[in-house]
Amino acid sequence: KERIQVYFIDNEEYFKRKATFTDENGTLFPDNDERAIFFAKGVVETV
């Protein structure tokens, strides 16, 4: 409805799991730090 395009940064190891930041018990994923590093670098390299 907005004609807005969204780019998604993906990687099987970091983003395949069916959740955002925590597991089903609400515990932070242990690799959230690496996911944040990968996301930052992925955005820059894609731009």
ModelCIF file with pLDDT and N, C-alpha, C, O atoms, coordinates in Angstrom:
data_MODEL
#
_entry.id   MODEL 
#
_entity.id                         1 
_entity.type                       polymer 
_entity.pdbx_number_of_molecules   1 
#
_entity_poly.entity_id                      1 
_entity_poly.type                           'polypeptide(L)' 
_entity_poly.nstd_linkage                   no 
_entity_poly.nstd_monomer                   no 
_entity_poly.pdbx_seq_one_letter_code       KERIQVYFIDNEEYFKRKATFTDENGTLFPDNDERAIFFAKGVVETV 
_entity_poly.pdbx_seq_one_letter_code_can   KERIQVYFIDNEEYFKRKATFTDENGTLFPDNDERAIFFAKGVVETV 
_entity_poly.pdbx_strand_id                 A 
#
loop_
_entity_poly_seq.entity_id 
_entity_poly_seq.num 
_entity_poly_seq.mon_id 
_entity_poly_seq.hetero 
1 1  LYS n 
1 2  GLU n 
1 3  ARG n 
1 4  ILE n 
1 5  GLN n 
1 6  VAL n 
1 7  TYR n 
1 8  PHE n 
1 9  ILE n 
1 10 ASP n 
1 11 ASN n 
1 12 GLU n 
1 13 GLU n 
1 14 TYR n 
1 15 PHE n 
1 16 LYS n 
1 17 ARG n 
1 18 LYS n 
1 19 ALA n 
1 20 THR n 
1 21 PHE n 
1 22 THR n 
1 23 ASP n 
1 24 GLU n 
1 25 ASN n 
1 26 GLY n 
1 27 THR n 
1 28 LEU n 
1 29 PHE n 
1 30 PRO n 
1 31 ASP n 
1 32 ASN n 
1 33 ASP n 
1 34 GLU n 
1 35 ARG n 
1 36 ALA n 
1 37 ILE n 
1 38 PHE n 
1 39 PHE n 
1 40 ALA n 
1 41 LYS n 
1 42 GLY n 
1 43 VAL n 
1 44 VAL n 
1 45 GLU n 
1 46 THR n 
1 47 VAL n 
#
_struct_asym.id          A 
_struct_asym.entity_id   1 
#
loop_
_ma_qa_metric.id 
_ma_qa_metric.mode 
_ma_qa_metric.name 
_ma_qa_metric.software_group_id 
_ma_qa_metric.type 
1 global pLDDT . pLDDT 
2 local  pLDDT . pLDDT 
#
_ma_qa_metric_global.metric_id      1 
_ma_qa_metric_global.metric_value   94.49 
_ma_qa_metric_global.model_id       1 
_ma_qa_metric_global.ordinal_id     1 
#
loop_
_ma_qa_metric_local.label_asym_id 
_ma_qa_metric_local.label_comp_id 
_ma_qa_metric_local.label_seq_id 
_ma_qa_metric_local.metric_id 
_ma_qa_metric_local.metric_value 
_ma_qa_metric_local.model_id 
_ma_qa_metric_local.ordinal_id 
A LYS 1  2 80.00 1 1  
A GLU 2  2 79.00 1 2  
A ARG 3  2 81.00 1 3  
A ILE 4  2 89.00 1 4  
A GLN 5  2 92.00 1 5  
A VAL 6  2 97.00 1 6  
A TYR 7  2 98.00 1 7  
A PHE 8  2 98.00 1 8  
A ILE 9  2 97.00 1 9  
A ASP 10 2 97.00 1 10 
A ASN 11 2 96.00 1 11 
A GLU 12 2 94.00 1 12 
A GLU 13 2 95.00 1 13 
A TYR 14 2 97.00 1 14 
A PHE 15 2 96.00 1 15 
A LYS 16 2 93.00 1 16 
A ARG 17 2 93.00 1 17 
A LYS 18 2 92.00 1 18 
A ALA 19 2 93.00 1 19 
A THR 20 2 95.00 1 20 
A PHE 21 2 96.00 1 21 
A THR 22 2 94.00 1 22 
A ASP 23 2 92.00 1 23 
A GLU 24 2 90.00 1 24 
A ASN 25 2 90.00 1 25 
A GLY 26 2 90.00 1 26 
A THR 27 2 94.00 1 27 
A LEU 28 2 95.00 1 28 
A PHE 29 2 96.00 1 29 
A PRO 30 2 96.00 1 30 
A ASP 31 2 97.00 1 31 
A ASN 32 2 97.00 1 32 
A ASP 33 2 97.00 1 33 
A GLU 34 2 97.00 1 34 
A ARG 35 2 98.00 1 35 
A ALA 36 2 98.00 1 36 
A ILE 37 2 98.00 1 37 
A PHE 38 2 98.00 1 38 
A PHE 39 2 98.00 1 39 
A ALA 40 2 98.00 1 40 
A LYS 41 2 97.00 1 41 
A GLY 42 2 97.00 1 42 
A VAL 43 2 98.00 1 43 
A VAL 44 2 97.00 1 44 
A GLU 45 2 97.00 1 45 
A THR 46 2 97.00 1 46 
A VAL 47 2 97.00 1 47 
#
loop_
_atom_site.group_PDB 
_atom_site.id 
_atom_site.type_symbol 
_atom_site.label_atom_id 
_atom_site.label_alt_id 
_atom_site.label_comp_id 
_atom_site.label_asym_id 
_atom_site.label_entity_id 
_atom_site.label_seq_id 
_atom_site.pdbx_PDB_ins_code 
_atom_site.Cartn_x 
_atom_site.Cartn_y 
_atom_site.Cartn_z 
_atom_site.occupancy 
_atom_site.B_iso_or_equiv 
_atom_site.pdbx_formal_charge 
_atom_site.auth_seq_id 
_atom_site.auth_comp_id 
_atom_site.auth_asym_id 
_atom_site.auth_atom_id 
_atom_site.pdbx_PDB_model_num 
ATOM 1   N N  . LYS A 1 1  ? 0.818  -1.222  0.000  1.00 80.00 ? 1  LYS A N  1 
ATOM 2   C CA . LYS A 1 1  ? 0.000  0.000   0.000  1.00 80.00 ? 1  LYS A CA 1 
ATOM 3   C C  . LYS A 1 1  ? 0.851  1.271   0.000  1.00 80.00 ? 1  LYS A C  1 
ATOM 4   O O  . LYS A 1 1  ? 0.362  2.346   -0.347 1.00 80.00 ? 1  LYS A O  1 
ATOM 5   N N  . GLU A 1 2  ? 2.124  1.147   0.390  1.00 79.00 ? 2  GLU A N  1 
ATOM 6   C CA . GLU A 1 2  ? 2.996  2.319   0.431  1.00 79.00 ? 2  GLU A CA 1 
ATOM 7   C C  . GLU A 1 2  ? 4.013  2.334   -0.707 1.00 79.00 ? 2  GLU A C  1 
ATOM 8   O O  . GLU A 1 2  ? 4.725  3.320   -0.892 1.00 79.00 ? 2  GLU A O  1 
ATOM 9   N N  . ARG A 1 3  ? 4.081  1.246   -1.467 1.00 81.00 ? 3  ARG A N  1 
ATOM 10  C CA . ARG A 1 3  ? 5.101  1.119   -2.513 1.00 81.00 ? 3  ARG A CA 1 
ATOM 11  C C  . ARG A 1 3  ? 6.499  1.371   -1.958 1.00 81.00 ? 3  ARG A C  1 
ATOM 12  O O  . ARG A 1 3  ? 7.310  2.078   -2.556 1.00 81.00 ? 3  ARG A O  1 
ATOM 13  N N  . ILE A 1 4  ? 6.750  0.784   -0.820 1.00 89.00 ? 4  ILE A N  1 
ATOM 14  C CA . ILE A 1 4  ? 8.041  0.904   -0.143 1.00 89.00 ? 4  ILE A CA 1 
ATOM 15  C C  . ILE A 1 4  ? 8.745  -0.447  -0.221 1.00 89.00 ? 4  ILE A C  1 
ATOM 16  O O  . ILE A 1 4  ? 8.160  -1.482  0.098  1.00 89.00 ? 4  ILE A O  1 
ATOM 17  N N  . GLN A 1 5  ? 10.012 -0.425  -0.651 1.00 92.00 ? 5  GLN A N  1 
ATOM 18  C CA . GLN A 1 5  ? 10.794 -1.650  -0.758 1.00 92.00 ? 5  GLN A CA 1 
ATOM 19  C C  . GLN A 1 5  ? 11.642 -1.832  0.490  1.00 92.00 ? 5  GLN A C  1 
ATOM 20  O O  . GLN A 1 5  ? 12.200 -0.873  1.023  1.00 92.00 ? 5  GLN A O  1 
ATOM 21  N N  . VAL A 1 6  ? 11.732 -3.089  0.952  1.00 97.00 ? 6  VAL A N  1 
ATOM 22  C CA . VAL A 1 6  ? 12.508 -3.418  2.142  1.00 97.00 ? 6  VAL A CA 1 
ATOM 23  C C  . VAL A 1 6  ? 13.560 -4.467  1.782  1.00 97.00 ? 6  VAL A C  1 
ATOM 24  O O  . VAL A 1 6  ? 13.250 -5.481  1.157  1.00 97.00 ? 6  VAL A O  1 
ATOM 25  N N  . TYR A 1 7  ? 14.806 -4.212  2.183  1.00 98.00 ? 7  TYR A N  1 
ATOM 26  C CA . TYR A 1 7  ? 15.885 -5.172  1.992  1.00 98.00 ? 7  TYR A CA 1 
ATOM 27  C C  . TYR A 1 7  ? 16.094 -5.951  3.291  1.00 98.00 ? 7  TYR A C  1 
ATOM 28  O O  . TYR A 1 7  ? 16.089 -5.378  4.380  1.00 98.00 ? 7  TYR A O  1 
ATOM 29  N N  . PHE A 1 8  ? 16.276 -7.263  3.158  1.00 98.00 ? 8  PHE A N  1 
ATOM 30  C CA . PHE A 1 8  ? 16.459 -8.137  4.315  1.00 98.00 ? 8  PHE A CA 1 
ATOM 31  C C  . PHE A 1 8  ? 17.859 -8.738  4.300  1.00 98.00 ? 8  PHE A C  1 
ATOM 32  O O  . PHE A 1 8  ? 18.292 -9.316  3.303  1.00 98.00 ? 8  PHE A O  1 
ATOM 33  N N  . ILE A 1 9  ? 18.562 -8.589  5.430  1.00 97.00 ? 9  ILE A N  1 
ATOM 34  C CA . ILE A 1 9  ? 19.878 -9.195  5.611  1.00 97.00 ? 9  ILE A CA 1 
ATOM 35  C C  . ILE A 1 9  ? 19.682 -10.599 6.176  1.00 97.00 ? 9  ILE A C  1 
ATOM 36  O O  . ILE A 1 9  ? 19.081 -10.767 7.237  1.00 97.00 ? 9  ILE A O  1 
ATOM 37  N N  . ASP A 1 10 ? 20.192 -11.607 5.463  1.00 97.00 ? 10 ASP A N  1 
ATOM 38  C CA . ASP A 1 10 ? 19.926 -12.987 5.849  1.00 97.00 ? 10 ASP A CA 1 
ATOM 39  C C  . ASP A 1 10 ? 21.214 -13.803 5.886  1.00 97.00 ? 10 ASP A C  1 
ATOM 40  O O  . ASP A 1 10 ? 22.187 -13.520 5.187  1.00 97.00 ? 10 ASP A O  1 
ATOM 41  N N  . ASN A 1 11 ? 21.174 -14.829 6.737  1.00 96.00 ? 11 ASN A N  1 
ATOM 42  C CA . ASN A 1 11 ? 22.253 -15.801 6.851  1.00 96.00 ? 11 ASN A CA 1 
ATOM 43  C C  . ASN A 1 11 ? 21.666 -17.011 7.570  1.00 96.00 ? 11 ASN A C  1 
ATOM 44  O O  . ASN A 1 11 ? 20.985 -16.866 8.585  1.00 96.00 ? 11 ASN A O  1 
ATOM 45  N N  . GLU A 1 12 ? 21.931 -18.201 7.042  1.00 94.00 ? 12 GLU A N  1 
ATOM 46  C CA . GLU A 1 12 ? 21.333 -19.423 7.599  1.00 94.00 ? 12 GLU A CA 1 
ATOM 47  C C  . GLU A 1 12 ? 21.690 -19.609 9.074  1.00 94.00 ? 12 GLU A C  1 
ATOM 48  O O  . GLU A 1 12 ? 20.837 -19.962 9.888  1.00 94.00 ? 12 GLU A O  1 
ATOM 49  N N  . GLU A 1 13 ? 22.941 -19.370 9.404  1.00 95.00 ? 13 GLU A N  1 
ATOM 50  C CA . GLU A 1 13 ? 23.412 -19.604 10.771 1.00 95.00 ? 13 GLU A CA 1 
ATOM 51  C C  . GLU A 1 13 ? 22.763 -18.640 11.760 1.00 95.00 ? 13 GLU A C  1 
ATOM 52  O O  . GLU A 1 13 ? 22.381 -19.039 12.861 1.00 95.00 ? 13 GLU A O  1 
ATOM 53  N N  . TYR A 1 14 ? 22.640 -17.382 11.373 1.00 97.00 ? 14 TYR A N  1 
ATOM 54  C CA . TYR A 1 14 ? 22.197 -16.356 12.319 1.00 97.00 ? 14 TYR A CA 1 
ATOM 55  C C  . TYR A 1 14 ? 20.688 -16.102 12.323 1.00 97.00 ? 14 TYR A C  1 
ATOM 56  O O  . TYR A 1 14 ? 20.133 -15.726 13.355 1.00 97.00 ? 14 TYR A O  1 
ATOM 57  N N  . PHE A 1 15 ? 20.029 -16.299 11.205 1.00 96.00 ? 15 PHE A N  1 
ATOM 58  C CA . PHE A 1 15 ? 18.634 -15.816 11.130 1.00 96.00 ? 15 PHE A CA 1 
ATOM 59  C C  . PHE A 1 15 ? 17.597 -16.859 10.726 1.00 96.00 ? 15 PHE A C  1 
ATOM 60  O O  . PHE A 1 15 ? 16.435 -16.512 10.513 1.00 96.00 ? 15 PHE A O  1 
ATOM 61  N N  . LYS A 1 16 ? 17.989 -18.133 10.614 1.00 93.00 ? 16 LYS A N  1 
ATOM 62  C CA . LYS A 1 16 ? 17.003 -19.137 10.202 1.00 93.00 ? 16 LYS A CA 1 
ATOM 63  C C  . LYS A 1 16 ? 16.023 -19.488 11.325 1.00 93.00 ? 16 LYS A C  1 
ATOM 64  O O  . LYS A 1 16 ? 14.865 -19.804 11.052 1.00 93.00 ? 16 LYS A O  1 
ATOM 65  N N  . ARG A 1 17 ? 16.469 -19.437 12.572 1.00 93.00 ? 17 ARG A N  1 
ATOM 66  C CA . ARG A 1 17 ? 15.626 -19.829 13.712 1.00 93.00 ? 17 ARG A CA 1 
ATOM 67  C C  . ARG A 1 17 ? 14.321 -19.031 13.742 1.00 93.00 ? 17 ARG A C  1 
ATOM 68  O O  . ARG A 1 17 ? 14.283 -17.867 13.342 1.00 93.00 ? 17 ARG A O  1 
ATOM 69  N N  . LYS A 1 18 ? 13.266 -19.667 14.216 1.00 92.00 ? 18 LYS A N  1 
ATOM 70  C CA . LYS A 1 18 ? 11.929 -19.075 14.133 1.00 92.00 ? 18 LYS A CA 1 
ATOM 71  C C  . LYS A 1 18 ? 11.640 -18.111 15.286 1.00 92.00 ? 18 LYS A C  1 
ATOM 72  O O  . LYS A 1 18 ? 10.629 -18.237 15.976 1.00 92.00 ? 18 LYS A O  1 
ATOM 73  N N  . ALA A 1 19 ? 12.518 -17.173 15.477 1.00 93.00 ? 19 ALA A N  1 
ATOM 74  C CA . ALA A 1 19 ? 12.353 -16.195 16.561 1.00 93.00 ? 19 ALA A CA 1 
ATOM 75  C C  . ALA A 1 19 ? 13.232 -14.999 16.258 1.00 93.00 ? 19 ALA A C  1 
ATOM 76  O O  . ALA A 1 19 ? 14.070 -15.048 15.358 1.00 93.00 ? 19 ALA A O  1 
ATOM 77  N N  . THR A 1 20 ? 13.041 -13.915 17.016 1.00 95.00 ? 20 THR A N  1 
ATOM 78  C CA . THR A 1 20 ? 13.835 -12.713 16.782 1.00 95.00 ? 20 THR A CA 1 
ATOM 79  C C  . THR A 1 20 ? 15.071 -12.689 17.688 1.00 95.00 ? 20 THR A C  1 
ATOM 80  O O  . THR A 1 20 ? 16.186 -12.913 17.216 1.00 95.00 ? 20 THR A O  1 
ATOM 81  N N  . PHE A 1 21 ? 14.883 -12.420 18.975 1.00 96.00 ? 21 PHE A N  1 
ATOM 82  C CA . PHE A 1 21 ? 16.024 -12.196 19.862 1.00 96.00 ? 21 PHE A CA 1 
ATOM 83  C C  . PHE A 1 21 ? 16.210 -13.252 20.939 1.00 96.00 ? 21 PHE A C  1 
ATOM 84  O O  . PHE A 1 21 ? 17.311 -13.416 21.465 1.00 96.00 ? 21 PHE A O  1 
ATOM 85  N N  . THR A 1 22 ? 15.129 -13.978 21.276 1.00 94.00 ? 22 THR A N  1 
ATOM 86  C CA . THR A 1 22 ? 15.176 -14.913 22.405 1.00 94.00 ? 22 THR A CA 1 
ATOM 87  C C  . THR A 1 22 ? 14.567 -16.252 22.026 1.00 94.00 ? 22 THR A C  1 
ATOM 88  O O  . THR A 1 22 ? 13.822 -16.357 21.051 1.00 94.00 ? 22 THR A O  1 
ATOM 89  N N  . ASP A 1 23 ? 14.897 -17.289 22.817 1.00 92.00 ? 23 ASP A N  1 
ATOM 90  C CA . ASP A 1 23 ? 14.290 -18.606 22.605 1.00 92.00 ? 23 ASP A CA 1 
ATOM 91  C C  . ASP A 1 23 ? 12.913 -18.652 23.263 1.00 92.00 ? 23 ASP A C  1 
ATOM 92  O O  . ASP A 1 23 ? 12.428 -17.644 23.777 1.00 92.00 ? 23 ASP A O  1 
ATOM 93  N N  . GLU A 1 24 ? 12.288 -19.830 23.241 1.00 90.00 ? 24 GLU A N  1 
ATOM 94  C CA . GLU A 1 24 ? 10.908 -19.948 23.763 1.00 90.00 ? 24 GLU A CA 1 
ATOM 95  C C  . GLU A 1 24 ? 10.815 -19.673 25.251 1.00 90.00 ? 24 GLU A C  1 
ATOM 96  O O  . GLU A 1 24 ? 9.726  -19.429 25.770 1.00 90.00 ? 24 GLU A O  1 
ATOM 97  N N  . ASN A 1 25 ? 11.958 -19.711 25.951 1.00 90.00 ? 25 ASN A N  1 
ATOM 98  C CA . ASN A 1 25 ? 11.966 -19.417 27.389 1.00 90.00 ? 25 ASN A CA 1 
ATOM 99  C C  . ASN A 1 25 ? 12.279 -17.946 27.685 1.00 90.00 ? 25 ASN A C  1 
ATOM 100 O O  . ASN A 1 25 ? 12.367 -17.543 28.845 1.00 90.00 ? 25 ASN A O  1 
ATOM 101 N N  . GLY A 1 26 ? 12.444 -17.154 26.626 1.00 90.00 ? 26 GLY A N  1 
ATOM 102 C CA . GLY A 1 26 ? 12.755 -15.747 26.816 1.00 90.00 ? 26 GLY A CA 1 
ATOM 103 C C  . GLY A 1 26 ? 14.229 -15.472 27.061 1.00 90.00 ? 26 GLY A C  1 
ATOM 104 O O  . GLY A 1 26 ? 14.598 -14.365 27.453 1.00 90.00 ? 26 GLY A O  1 
ATOM 105 N N  . THR A 1 27 ? 15.079 -16.478 26.832 1.00 94.00 ? 27 THR A N  1 
ATOM 106 C CA . THR A 1 27 ? 16.517 -16.315 27.024 1.00 94.00 ? 27 THR A CA 1 
ATOM 107 C C  . THR A 1 27 ? 17.147 -15.765 25.749 1.00 94.00 ? 27 THR A C  1 
ATOM 108 O O  . THR A 1 27 ? 16.888 -16.265 24.654 1.00 94.00 ? 27 THR A O  1 
ATOM 109 N N  . LEU A 1 28 ? 17.969 -14.740 25.895 1.00 95.00 ? 28 LEU A N  1 
ATOM 110 C CA . LEU A 1 28 ? 18.644 -14.156 24.736 1.00 95.00 ? 28 LEU A CA 1 
ATOM 111 C C  . LEU A 1 28 ? 19.474 -15.207 24.003 1.00 95.00 ? 28 LEU A C  1 
ATOM 112 O O  . LEU A 1 28 ? 20.138 -16.029 24.636 1.00 95.00 ? 28 LEU A O  1 
ATOM 113 N N  . PHE A 1 29 ? 19.437 -15.182 22.671 1.00 96.00 ? 29 PHE A N  1 
ATOM 114 C CA . PHE A 1 29 ? 20.289 -16.078 21.907 1.00 96.00 ? 29 PHE A CA 1 
ATOM 115 C C  . PHE A 1 29 ? 21.751 -15.747 22.195 1.00 96.00 ? 29 PHE A C  1 
ATOM 116 O O  . PHE A 1 29 ? 22.123 -14.574 22.212 1.00 96.00 ? 29 PHE A O  1 
ATOM 117 N N  . PRO A 1 30 ? 22.589 -16.767 22.422 1.00 96.00 ? 30 PRO A N  1 
ATOM 118 C CA . PRO A 1 30 ? 23.992 -16.502 22.784 1.00 96.00 ? 30 PRO A CA 1 
ATOM 119 C C  . PRO A 1 30 ? 24.794 -15.810 21.689 1.00 96.00 ? 30 PRO A C  1 
ATOM 120 O O  . PRO A 1 30 ? 25.830 -15.208 21.971 1.00 96.00 ? 30 PRO A O  1 
ATOM 121 N N  . ASP A 1 31 ? 24.329 -15.889 20.442 1.00 97.00 ? 31 ASP A N  1 
ATOM 122 C CA . ASP A 1 31 ? 25.074 -15.246 19.350 1.00 97.00 ? 31 ASP A CA 1 
ATOM 123 C C  . ASP A 1 31 ? 24.448 -13.924 18.897 1.00 97.00 ? 31 ASP A C  1 
ATOM 124 O O  . ASP A 1 31 ? 24.719 -13.462 17.789 1.00 97.00 ? 31 ASP A O  1 
ATOM 125 N N  . ASN A 1 32 ? 23.620 -13.317 19.740 1.00 97.00 ? 32 ASN A N  1 
ATOM 126 C CA . ASN A 1 32 ? 23.013 -12.028 19.359 1.00 97.00 ? 32 ASN A CA 1 
ATOM 127 C C  . ASN A 1 32 ? 24.062 -10.963 19.047 1.00 97.00 ? 32 ASN A C  1 
ATOM 128 O O  . ASN A 1 32 ? 23.840 -10.090 18.207 1.00 97.00 ? 32 ASN A O  1 
ATOM 129 N N  . ASP A 1 33 ? 25.201 -11.040 19.726 1.00 97.00 ? 33 ASP A N  1 
ATOM 130 C CA . ASP A 1 33 ? 26.263 -10.063 19.451 1.00 97.00 ? 33 ASP A CA 1 
ATOM 131 C C  . ASP A 1 33 ? 26.785 -10.226 18.024 1.00 97.00 ? 33 ASP A C  1 
ATOM 132 O O  . ASP A 1 33 ? 26.970 -9.245  17.304 1.00 97.00 ? 33 ASP A O  1 
ATOM 133 N N  . GLU A 1 34 ? 27.021 -11.482 17.623 1.00 97.00 ? 34 GLU A N  1 
ATOM 134 C CA . GLU A 1 34 ? 27.508 -11.728 16.258 1.00 97.00 ? 34 GLU A CA 1 
ATOM 135 C C  . GLU A 1 34 ? 26.440 -11.407 15.219 1.00 97.00 ? 34 GLU A C  1 
ATOM 136 O O  . GLU A 1 34 ? 26.762 -10.956 14.120 1.00 97.00 ? 34 GLU A O  1 
ATOM 137 N N  . ARG A 1 35 ? 25.192 -11.631 15.552 1.00 98.00 ? 35 ARG A N  1 
ATOM 138 C CA . ARG A 1 35 ? 24.103 -11.285 14.639 1.00 98.00 ? 35 ARG A CA 1 
ATOM 139 C C  . ARG A 1 35 ? 24.070 -9.772  14.397 1.00 98.00 ? 35 ARG A C  1 
ATOM 140 O O  . ARG A 1 35 ? 23.843 -9.317  13.276 1.00 98.00 ? 35 ARG A O  1 
ATOM 141 N N  . ALA A 1 36 ? 24.298 -9.000  15.468 1.00 98.00 ? 36 ALA A N  1 
ATOM 142 C CA . ALA A 1 36 ? 24.314 -7.533  15.337 1.00 98.00 ? 36 ALA A CA 1 
ATOM 143 C C  . ALA A 1 36 ? 25.503 -7.063  14.501 1.00 98.00 ? 36 ALA A C  1 
ATOM 144 O O  . ALA A 1 36 ? 25.370 -6.144  13.692 1.00 98.00 ? 36 ALA A O  1 
ATOM 145 N N  . ILE A 1 37 ? 26.668 -7.694  14.694 1.00 98.00 ? 37 ILE A N  1 
ATOM 146 C CA . ILE A 1 37 ? 27.851 -7.352  13.892 1.00 98.00 ? 37 ILE A CA 1 
ATOM 147 C C  . ILE A 1 37 ? 27.592 -7.688  12.426 1.00 98.00 ? 37 ILE A C  1 
ATOM 148 O O  . ILE A 1 37 ? 27.873 -6.881  11.539 1.00 98.00 ? 37 ILE A O  1 
ATOM 149 N N  . PHE A 1 38 ? 27.057 -8.877  12.178 1.00 98.00 ? 38 PHE A N  1 
ATOM 150 C CA . PHE A 1 38 ? 26.768 -9.308  10.805 1.00 98.00 ? 38 PHE A CA 1 
ATOM 151 C C  . PHE A 1 38 ? 25.756 -8.366  10.141 1.00 98.00 ? 38 PHE A C  1 
ATOM 152 O O  . PHE A 1 38 ? 25.909 -8.009  8.973  1.00 98.00 ? 38 PHE A O  1 
ATOM 153 N N  . PHE A 1 39 ? 24.741 -7.974  10.881 1.00 98.00 ? 39 PHE A N  1 
ATOM 154 C CA . PHE A 1 39 ? 23.719 -7.076  10.334 1.00 98.00 ? 39 PHE A CA 1 
ATOM 155 C C  . PHE A 1 39 ? 24.333 -5.734  9.943  1.00 98.00 ? 39 PHE A C  1 
ATOM 156 O O  . PHE A 1 39 ? 24.084 -5.231  8.847  1.00 98.00 ? 39 PHE A O  1 
ATOM 157 N N  . ALA A 1 40 ? 25.136 -5.154  10.837 1.00 98.00 ? 40 ALA A N  1 
ATOM 158 C CA . ALA A 1 40 ? 25.753 -3.850  10.556 1.00 98.00 ? 40 ALA A CA 1 
ATOM 159 C C  . ALA A 1 40 ? 26.644 -3.917  9.315  1.00 98.00 ? 40 ALA A C  1 
ATOM 160 O O  . ALA A 1 40 ? 26.538 -3.072  8.426  1.00 98.00 ? 40 ALA A O  1 
ATOM 161 N N  . LYS A 1 41 ? 27.518 -4.919  9.256  1.00 97.00 ? 41 LYS A N  1 
ATOM 162 C CA . LYS A 1 41 ? 28.428 -5.041  8.120  1.00 97.00 ? 41 LYS A CA 1 
ATOM 163 C C  . LYS A 1 41 ? 27.669 -5.390  6.838  1.00 97.00 ? 41 LYS A C  1 
ATOM 164 O O  . LYS A 1 41 ? 28.016 -4.922  5.754  1.00 97.00 ? 41 LYS A O  1 
ATOM 165 N N  . GLY A 1 42 ? 26.632 -6.215  6.974  1.00 97.00 ? 42 GLY A N  1 
ATOM 166 C CA . GLY A 1 42 ? 25.832 -6.596  5.813  1.00 97.00 ? 42 GLY A CA 1 
ATOM 167 C C  . GLY A 1 42 ? 25.119 -5.416  5.186  1.00 97.00 ? 42 GLY A C  1 
ATOM 168 O O  . GLY A 1 42 ? 25.044 -5.311  3.962  1.00 97.00 ? 42 GLY A O  1 
ATOM 169 N N  . VAL A 1 43 ? 24.593 -4.526  6.019  1.00 98.00 ? 43 VAL A N  1 
ATOM 170 C CA . VAL A 1 43 ? 23.923 -3.327  5.505  1.00 98.00 ? 43 VAL A CA 1 
ATOM 171 C C  . VAL A 1 43 ? 24.915 -2.469  4.730  1.00 98.00 ? 43 VAL A C  1 
ATOM 172 O O  . VAL A 1 43 ? 24.630 -2.053  3.607  1.00 98.00 ? 43 VAL A O  1 
ATOM 173 N N  . VAL A 1 44 ? 26.073 -2.202  5.320  1.00 97.00 ? 44 VAL A N  1 
ATOM 174 C CA . VAL A 1 44 ? 27.055 -1.329  4.675  1.00 97.00 ? 44 VAL A CA 1 
ATOM 175 C C  . VAL A 1 44 ? 27.514 -1.919  3.343  1.00 97.00 ? 44 VAL A C  1 
ATOM 176 O O  . VAL A 1 44 ? 27.566 -1.215  2.335  1.00 97.00 ? 44 VAL A O  1 
ATOM 177 N N  . GLU A 1 45 ? 27.843 -3.199  3.339  1.00 97.00 ? 45 GLU A N  1 
ATOM 178 C CA . GLU A 1 45 ? 28.341 -3.821  2.113  1.00 97.00 ? 45 GLU A CA 1 
ATOM 179 C C  . GLU A 1 45 ? 27.267 -3.845  1.019  1.00 97.00 ? 45 GLU A C  1 
ATOM 180 O O  . GLU A 1 45 ? 27.583 -3.713  -0.163 1.00 97.00 ? 45 GLU A O  1 
ATOM 181 N N  . THR A 1 46 ? 26.016 -4.010  1.407  1.00 97.00 ? 46 THR A N  1 
ATOM 182 C CA . THR A 1 46 ? 24.936 -4.032  0.410  1.00 97.00 ? 46 THR A CA 1 
ATOM 183 C C  . THR A 1 46 ? 24.682 -2.635  -0.153 1.00 97.00 ? 46 THR A C  1 
ATOM 184 O O  . THR A 1 46 ? 24.471 -2.483  -1.356 1.00 97.00 ? 46 THR A O  1 
ATOM 185 N N  . VAL A 1 47 ? 24.701 -1.627  0.697  1.00 97.00 ? 47 VAL A N  1 
ATOM 186 C CA . VAL A 1 47 ? 24.519 -0.252  0.217  1.00 97.00 ? 47 VAL A CA 1 
ATOM 187 C C  . VAL A 1 47 ? 25.672 0.126   -0.723 1.00 97.00 ? 47 VAL A C  1 
ATOM 188 O O  . VAL A 1 47 ? 25.709 1.243   -1.237 1.00 97.00 ? 47 VAL A O  1 
#
